[in-house]
């Protein structure tokens, strides 16, 4: 039996979607997984994503990864810089009063690890870019 699950927290595809603040607030409440393209990484290794409609999302360095953590407890710098110009999945943690959108790729990674540990069975197929998914 073959089971196809897209491996997250990498992006599902290369499609850009413009989000509204209302959609982002709903996603924060519901815990929805979303995706967008990383536009840049700053000198502190925080990631900036274009969410459309002149909205920028920020993935703070501590929310970039759930696995590749260095001795200081933060994701390794190369993990952060390697995400620039790539689509990543995230959950919305918070939309501030100043309309800053704080995102977490780490939360999606933890969910993926939970799925692998608890639901993945021998013989299942895991792929990142399944065409039939």
Protein backbone atom coordinates (compact mmCIF):
# COMPACT_ATOMS: atom_id res chain seq x y z
CA UNK A 1 0.00 0.00 0.00
CA UNK A 2 1.36 3.39 -0.91
CA UNK A 3 0.49 6.54 0.99
CA UNK A 4 1.58 9.92 -0.29
CA UNK A 5 2.17 12.70 2.21
CA UNK A 6 3.97 15.86 1.27
CA UNK A 7 6.87 16.32 3.62
CA UNK A 8 6.47 19.54 5.53
CA UNK A 9 7.65 22.22 6.47
CA UNK A 10 8.91 22.76 2.92
CA UNK A 11 6.52 24.46 0.52
CA UNK A 12 3.80 22.49 -1.28
CA UNK A 13 4.39 24.18 -4.60
CA UNK A 14 5.71 27.36 -6.16
CA UNK A 15 2.44 29.30 -6.03
CA UNK A 16 2.22 32.70 -4.40
CA UNK A 17 -1.00 33.64 -2.66
CA UNK A 18 -1.76 37.07 -1.29
CA UNK A 19 -3.19 36.91 2.24
CA UNK A 20 -5.37 39.46 3.97
CA UNK A 21 -4.93 40.36 7.63
CA UNK A 22 -8.32 38.73 8.26
CA UNK A 23 -7.11 35.43 6.72
CA UNK A 24 -3.94 35.58 8.78
CA UNK A 25 -5.86 36.22 12.00
CA UNK A 26 -8.17 33.27 11.25
CA UNK A 27 -5.13 31.07 10.50
CA UNK A 28 -3.62 32.04 13.86
CA UNK A 29 -6.81 31.02 15.66
CA UNK A 30 -7.30 27.77 13.71
CA UNK A 31 -3.63 26.70 13.53
CA UNK A 32 -3.73 26.47 9.73
CA UNK A 33 -0.58 25.63 7.83
CA UNK A 34 0.17 28.16 5.10
CA UNK A 35 3.04 28.85 2.74
CA UNK A 36 4.88 31.80 1.24
CA UNK A 37 8.25 32.64 -0.25
CA UNK A 38 11.14 33.78 1.93
CA UNK A 39 12.40 37.12 0.60
CA UNK A 40 15.37 37.73 2.86
CA UNK A 41 17.30 36.77 5.97
CA UNK A 42 18.62 39.55 8.23
CA UNK A 43 21.90 39.63 10.13
CA UNK A 44 20.19 37.99 13.14
CA UNK A 45 18.95 35.13 10.90
CA UNK A 46 15.28 36.10 11.06
CA UNK A 47 13.37 35.35 7.86
CA UNK A 48 11.07 37.78 6.06
CA UNK A 49 8.24 36.52 3.87
CA UNK A 50 6.08 38.38 1.38
CA UNK A 51 2.48 37.56 2.35
CA UNK A 52 1.01 39.82 -0.34
CA UNK A 53 -1.12 42.94 0.10
CA UNK A 54 1.97 44.79 1.41
CA UNK A 55 2.11 42.43 4.42
CA UNK A 56 5.46 41.06 5.56
CA UNK A 57 5.64 38.03 7.79
CA UNK A 58 8.60 37.43 10.08
CA UNK A 59 9.88 34.05 11.18
CA UNK A 60 12.15 34.79 14.16
CA UNK A 61 15.33 32.70 14.16
CA UNK A 62 14.09 30.54 17.04
CA UNK A 63 11.00 29.63 14.94
CA UNK A 64 12.90 28.69 11.75
CA UNK A 65 13.57 25.02 12.48
CA UNK A 66 12.66 22.25 14.90
CA UNK A 67 15.58 19.90 14.21
CA UNK A 68 18.82 21.64 13.23
CA UNK A 69 19.44 23.44 16.51
CA UNK A 70 22.96 24.52 17.53
CA UNK A 71 24.52 24.47 21.00
CA UNK A 72 22.92 27.85 21.82
CA UNK A 73 19.41 26.49 21.22
CA UNK A 74 18.93 28.34 17.91
CA UNK A 75 18.73 27.00 14.36
CA UNK A 76 22.10 26.95 12.64
CA UNK A 77 22.71 30.09 10.53
CA UNK A 78 23.02 28.10 7.29
CA UNK A 79 19.50 26.70 7.82
CA UNK A 80 18.18 30.28 7.91
CA UNK A 81 20.14 31.58 4.94
CA UNK A 82 19.34 28.52 2.80
CA UNK A 83 15.61 29.32 2.93
CA UNK A 84 15.93 32.63 1.03
CA UNK A 85 14.01 32.54 -2.29
CA UNK A 86 12.32 29.28 -1.31
CA UNK A 87 8.74 28.53 -0.34
CA UNK A 88 8.25 27.40 3.24
CA UNK A 89 5.27 26.39 5.29
CA UNK A 90 4.39 28.11 8.52
CA UNK A 91 1.76 28.68 11.15
CA UNK A 92 0.74 32.17 12.17
CA UNK A 93 1.69 32.74 15.80
CA UNK A 94 0.51 36.30 16.17
CA UNK A 95 -0.68 39.38 14.32
CA UNK A 96 0.36 42.36 16.42
CA UNK A 97 -1.53 45.63 16.84
CA UNK A 98 1.01 47.12 14.43
CA UNK A 99 0.01 44.46 11.83
CA UNK A 100 3.34 42.66 12.16
CA UNK A 101 2.76 38.99 11.41
CA UNK A 102 4.90 36.58 13.45
CA UNK A 103 5.21 33.13 11.89
CA UNK A 104 6.57 29.73 12.93
CA UNK A 105 8.12 27.17 10.62
CA UNK A 106 9.21 25.27 13.74
CA UNK A 107 5.57 24.51 14.66
CA UNK A 108 5.04 22.90 11.26
CA UNK A 109 8.27 20.91 11.65
CA UNK A 110 7.13 19.62 15.04
CA UNK A 111 3.83 18.55 13.51
CA UNK A 112 5.72 16.73 10.73
CA UNK A 113 7.92 14.94 13.29
CA UNK A 114 4.83 13.92 15.25
CA UNK A 115 3.30 12.51 12.05
CA UNK A 116 6.51 10.59 11.24
CA UNK A 117 6.81 9.12 14.73
CA UNK A 118 3.15 8.21 15.19
CA UNK A 119 1.51 7.71 11.80
CA UNK A 120 4.24 6.77 9.33
CA UNK A 121 4.31 3.02 8.77
CA UNK A 122 6.65 0.70 6.90
CA UNK A 123 5.88 0.70 3.19
CA UNK A 124 4.44 4.22 3.09
CA UNK A 125 5.90 6.62 0.57
CA UNK A 126 6.92 10.10 1.73
CA UNK A 127 7.59 12.73 -0.88
CA UNK A 128 8.08 16.47 -1.00
CA UNK A 129 6.57 17.32 -4.39
CA UNK A 130 3.95 14.65 -5.00
CA UNK A 131 2.15 15.49 -8.24
CA UNK A 132 -1.02 13.60 -7.23
CA UNK A 133 -1.25 14.96 -3.71
